[in-house]
Amino acid sequence: MTVTIYGIKNCDTMKKARTWLDGQGIAYRFHDYKAEGIDRAHLDRWCKEAGWEIVLNRAGTTFRNLPDADKQNLDAGKAIALMLAQPSMIKRPVLEAIGHLLIGFKPELYEALFHKANA
């Protein structure tokens, strides 16, 4: 089973998700946006599957500090361009596992996904 978790190393939510995975003995690959960046193909796929409104982290300081013009008239194309330019605007973590995509960390969703895979 290939599990990849995407995010930023020092993010508190990322730390919680990684601690949960470690506690369950689930092996994963950590993809750090700061070190490795992110490509358009991933963002296109995530936005198509989950919706750009879910993938774009509008609550974070990076988004909030944007000029108002950059925050107006958002659509998928503009959101993807913003996230490509500043990956810290991607909601964290993004988990790809067992053919599923989870955005954000909720222990009960992780539990349901991995419990189903091991059933």
Protein backbone atom coordinates (compact mmCIF):
# COMPACT_ATOMS: atom_id res chain seq x y z
CA MET A 1 0.00 0.00 0.00
CA THR A 2 1.45 3.34 -1.05
CA VAL A 3 0.67 6.21 1.30
CA THR A 4 1.88 9.74 0.64
CA ILE A 5 1.22 12.69 2.90
CA TYR A 6 1.81 16.18 1.52
CA GLY A 7 2.41 19.29 3.57
CA ILE A 8 4.89 21.41 5.46
CA LYS A 9 7.18 19.95 8.09
CA ASN A 10 6.51 22.47 10.87
CA CYS A 11 2.72 22.67 10.51
CA ASP A 12 0.94 21.60 13.72
CA THR A 13 -1.81 19.77 11.81
CA MET A 14 0.84 17.91 9.81
CA LYS A 15 2.52 16.86 13.05
CA LYS A 16 -0.79 15.48 14.36
CA ALA A 17 -1.42 13.53 11.15
CA ARG A 18 2.09 12.10 11.04
CA THR A 19 1.91 11.17 14.74
CA TRP A 20 -1.39 9.39 14.06
CA LEU A 21 0.10 7.44 11.11
CA ASP A 22 3.19 6.55 13.14
CA GLY A 23 1.02 5.42 16.06
CA GLN A 24 -0.90 3.08 13.76
CA GLY A 25 2.30 1.66 12.27
CA ILE A 26 1.38 2.94 8.81
CA ALA A 27 4.38 3.49 6.55
CA TYR A 28 4.18 6.63 4.43
CA ARG A 29 6.20 8.97 2.30
CA PHE A 30 6.24 12.60 3.43
CA HIS A 31 6.30 15.16 0.60
CA ASP A 32 7.38 18.55 1.95
CA TYR A 33 6.16 21.43 -0.23
CA LYS A 34 8.95 23.68 1.06
CA ALA A 35 11.66 21.22 -0.02
CA GLU A 36 10.06 19.54 -3.05
CA GLY A 37 7.40 21.96 -4.30
CA ILE A 38 4.26 20.68 -5.97
CA ASP A 39 3.38 20.27 -9.62
CA ARG A 40 0.33 21.39 -11.52
CA ALA A 41 -0.76 17.80 -12.26
CA HIS A 42 -1.23 17.08 -8.55
CA LEU A 43 -3.14 20.31 -7.96
CA ASP A 44 -5.33 19.76 -11.02
CA ARG A 45 -6.18 16.23 -9.84
CA TRP A 46 -6.83 17.26 -6.24
CA CYS A 47 -9.01 20.18 -7.27
CA LYS A 48 -10.95 18.01 -9.70
CA GLU A 49 -11.51 15.32 -7.07
CA ALA A 50 -12.08 17.42 -3.93
CA GLY A 51 -12.88 20.87 -5.33
CA TRP A 52 -10.51 23.83 -5.34
CA GLU A 53 -12.54 25.39 -2.53
CA ILE A 54 -11.43 22.53 -0.25
CA VAL A 55 -7.81 22.38 -1.44
CA LEU A 56 -7.14 26.13 -1.10
CA ASN A 57 -6.49 27.11 2.51
CA ARG A 58 -8.18 30.49 2.82
CA ALA A 59 -7.84 30.48 6.62
CA GLY A 60 -4.03 30.55 6.60
CA THR A 61 -1.89 33.63 6.96
CA THR A 62 -0.37 33.25 3.48
CA PHE A 63 -3.78 33.62 1.86
CA ARG A 64 -4.97 36.30 4.26
CA ASN A 65 -1.86 38.38 3.54
CA LEU A 66 -2.48 38.41 -0.22
CA PRO A 67 -3.52 41.68 -1.82
CA ASP A 68 -7.32 41.95 -2.05
CA ALA A 69 -7.13 41.81 -5.85
CA ASP A 70 -5.59 38.34 -5.68
CA LYS A 71 -8.40 37.10 -3.42
CA GLN A 72 -11.25 38.35 -5.60
CA ASN A 73 -12.97 36.44 -8.40
CA LEU A 74 -11.40 33.15 -7.42
CA ASP A 75 -11.97 30.16 -9.64
CA ALA A 76 -10.13 26.87 -10.10
CA GLY A 77 -7.52 28.33 -12.46
CA LYS A 78 -6.71 31.28 -10.24
CA ALA A 79 -6.66 29.12 -7.09
CA ILE A 80 -4.28 26.61 -8.70
CA ALA A 81 -1.99 29.44 -9.84
CA LEU A 82 -1.90 30.83 -6.30
CA MET A 83 -1.11 27.40 -4.81
CA LEU A 84 1.61 26.75 -7.38
CA ALA A 85 3.22 30.09 -6.55
CA GLN A 86 2.89 29.58 -2.78
CA PRO A 87 2.29 25.95 -1.79
CA SER A 88 1.70 26.97 1.83
CA MET A 89 -1.78 27.98 0.58
CA ILE A 90 -2.66 24.30 0.10
CA LYS A 91 -4.74 22.96 2.97
CA ARG A 92 -2.75 20.50 5.02
CA PRO A 93 -2.28 17.67 5.07
CA VAL A 94 -3.19 16.10 1.77
CA LEU A 95 -3.17 12.32 2.09
CA GLU A 96 -3.17 9.96 -0.88
CA ALA A 97 -3.75 6.35 0.12
CA ILE A 98 -5.55 3.27 -1.16
CA GLY A 99 -6.95 5.18 -4.14
CA HIS A 100 -8.44 7.86 -1.87
CA LEU A 101 -7.72 11.50 -1.22
CA LEU A 102 -8.18 13.10 2.20
CA ILE A 103 -7.66 16.83 2.70
CA GLY A 104 -7.12 18.09 6.23
CA PHE A 105 -6.70 15.87 9.28
CA LYS A 106 -9.59 14.27 11.08
CA PRO A 107 -8.56 11.15 12.99
CA GLU A 108 -11.95 9.51 12.44
CA LEU A 109 -11.60 9.81 8.64
CA TYR A 110 -8.08 8.39 8.72
CA GLU A 111 -9.32 5.55 10.95
CA ALA A 112 -12.20 4.76 8.59
CA LEU A 113 -9.94 4.77 5.53
CA PHE A 114 -7.24 2.53 6.97
CA HIS A 115 -9.68 0.27 8.86
CA LYS A 116 -11.51 -0.38 5.58
CA ALA A 117 -8.20 -1.16 3.86
CA ASN A 118 -7.24 -3.70 6.52
CA ALA A 119 -10.67 -5.34 6.77
